[in-house]
Amino acid sequence: GFGIWVADLQAEATLDELPLEGKIALVVGNEAEGISAQMRELADKRYMLPMQGMVQSFNLSVALAISLQQIVPGKRAQLAGGDLSRDRQWQLRQRWLEYGVRHAKDVRQAYCDDPQP
């Protein structure tokens, strides 16, 4: 499953202080009310987005953009070459090619598949 991480003004940790483990689903509340009490209780991790000056809150799109900007580089580094086996990569590539080439199955059978003895 996914770890549920919520942006919360009452949280003590920032995103760079939390370990990026497993799959993460981010939850961001609206600007006026933030997250619900129920979401706060259900969250696996809570994080705050530091604000400076007279800023009291971020709107939803800004909060999510800041969150992703901090998380994505770390997740990309963890995955490096990806987590799919070579066989699965090949299967997905074949399927992708079939969507873009007219008569792809015929072409594959004629030129790519192993010939039968």
Protein backbone atom coordinates (compact mmCIF):
# COMPACT_ATOMS: atom_id res chain seq x y z
CA GLY A 1 0.00 0.00 0.00
CA PHE A 2 0.79 3.64 0.19
CA GLY A 3 2.01 5.71 3.11
CA ILE A 4 -0.34 8.66 3.64
CA TRP A 5 1.58 11.88 4.18
CA VAL A 6 -0.35 15.04 4.99
CA ALA A 7 0.71 18.67 4.87
CA ASP A 8 -0.17 20.05 8.29
CA LEU A 9 0.59 23.42 9.86
CA GLN A 10 0.76 21.67 13.26
CA ALA A 11 3.42 19.15 12.16
CA GLU A 12 6.95 19.49 13.49
CA ALA A 13 8.90 17.79 10.68
CA THR A 14 9.63 19.16 7.23
CA LEU A 15 9.73 16.94 4.15
CA ASP A 16 13.52 16.85 4.06
CA GLU A 17 13.50 15.42 7.61
CA LEU A 18 11.27 12.45 6.70
CA PRO A 19 12.68 9.23 5.20
CA LEU A 20 11.41 8.53 1.68
CA GLU A 21 10.36 4.92 2.15
CA GLY A 22 7.90 3.02 -0.03
CA LYS A 23 5.03 4.48 -1.99
CA ILE A 24 3.74 7.84 -0.83
CA ALA A 25 0.34 9.49 -1.31
CA LEU A 26 0.32 13.20 -0.49
CA VAL A 27 -2.73 14.88 1.03
CA VAL A 28 -3.00 18.65 1.03
CA GLY A 29 -5.95 20.48 2.55
CA ASN A 30 -7.52 23.65 1.27
CA GLU A 31 -6.12 27.07 2.12
CA ALA A 32 -8.91 28.10 4.47
CA GLU A 33 -9.27 24.97 6.62
CA GLY A 34 -6.32 22.71 5.88
CA ILE A 35 -6.78 18.98 6.44
CA SER A 36 -9.61 17.47 8.45
CA ALA A 37 -9.14 16.13 11.97
CA GLN A 38 -9.90 12.65 10.66
CA MET A 39 -7.18 12.91 8.00
CA ARG A 40 -4.72 14.13 10.64
CA GLU A 41 -5.47 11.01 12.71
CA LEU A 42 -5.26 8.62 9.75
CA ALA A 43 -1.99 10.00 8.39
CA ASP A 44 1.14 7.87 8.50
CA LYS A 45 3.33 10.98 8.45
CA ARG A 46 2.65 14.68 8.87
CA TYR A 47 4.88 17.39 7.50
CA MET A 48 4.91 21.14 7.41
CA LEU A 49 5.94 23.47 4.64
CA PRO A 50 8.06 26.28 6.10
CA MET A 51 6.75 29.78 5.39
CA GLN A 52 8.57 33.06 5.66
CA GLY A 53 7.57 36.66 6.05
CA MET A 54 3.87 37.36 6.43
CA VAL A 55 2.75 34.19 4.66
CA GLN A 56 0.20 32.26 6.73
CA SER A 57 -0.73 29.54 4.25
CA PHE A 58 -0.22 28.26 0.70
CA ASN A 59 -3.04 27.51 -1.68
CA LEU A 60 -3.51 23.86 -2.60
CA SER A 61 -1.61 23.96 -5.90
CA VAL A 62 1.36 25.79 -4.41
CA ALA A 63 1.53 23.45 -1.39
CA LEU A 64 1.44 20.41 -3.64
CA ALA A 65 4.02 21.85 -6.05
CA ILE A 66 6.42 22.59 -3.18
CA SER A 67 5.86 19.10 -1.76
CA LEU A 68 6.53 17.38 -5.08
CA GLN A 69 9.56 19.57 -5.76
CA GLN A 70 11.09 18.30 -2.53
CA ILE A 71 10.08 14.63 -2.86
CA VAL A 72 10.54 13.78 -6.54
CA PRO A 73 14.35 14.08 -6.75
CA GLY A 74 14.79 11.70 -3.81
CA LYS A 75 12.31 9.17 -5.21
CA ARG A 76 14.01 9.31 -8.63
CA ALA A 77 17.38 8.66 -7.02
CA GLN A 78 15.96 5.64 -5.17
CA LEU A 79 14.54 4.14 -8.35
CA ALA A 80 17.62 4.93 -10.47
CA GLY A 81 17.16 2.41 -13.29
CA GLY A 82 13.62 1.52 -12.28
CA ASP A 83 12.21 -1.50 -10.53
CA LEU A 84 10.86 -3.50 -13.47
CA SER A 85 12.49 -6.74 -14.56
CA ARG A 86 14.02 -6.84 -18.06
CA ASP A 87 11.21 -9.15 -19.19
CA ARG A 88 8.53 -6.75 -17.93
CA GLN A 89 10.32 -3.80 -19.55
CA TRP A 90 10.32 -5.69 -22.86
CA GLN A 91 6.62 -6.56 -22.55
CA LEU A 92 5.67 -2.95 -21.85
CA ARG A 93 7.83 -1.66 -24.68
CA GLN A 94 6.17 -4.11 -27.11
CA ARG A 95 2.72 -3.02 -25.97
CA TRP A 96 3.65 0.64 -26.31
CA LEU A 97 4.98 0.08 -29.84
CA GLU A 98 1.81 -1.77 -30.82
CA TYR A 99 -0.25 1.30 -29.97
CA GLY A 100 1.82 3.52 -32.27
CA VAL A 101 2.41 1.31 -35.32
CA ARG A 102 -0.30 0.30 -37.77
CA HIS A 103 -0.40 -3.50 -38.15
CA ALA A 104 2.20 -3.78 -35.39
CA LYS A 105 1.39 -7.40 -34.60
CA ASP A 106 2.00 -8.40 -38.22
CA VAL A 107 5.29 -6.47 -38.29
CA ARG A 108 6.40 -8.05 -35.03
CA GLN A 109 5.54 -11.54 -36.22
CA ALA A 110 7.37 -11.00 -39.50
CA TYR A 111 10.52 -9.38 -38.15
CA CYS A 112 10.85 -9.71 -34.38
CA ASP A 113 9.53 -13.03 -33.13
CA ASP A 114 11.76 -16.07 -33.08
CA PRO A 115 11.16 -18.17 -36.20
CA GLN A 116 9.67 -21.60 -35.63
CA PRO A 117 12.01 -24.48 -36.69
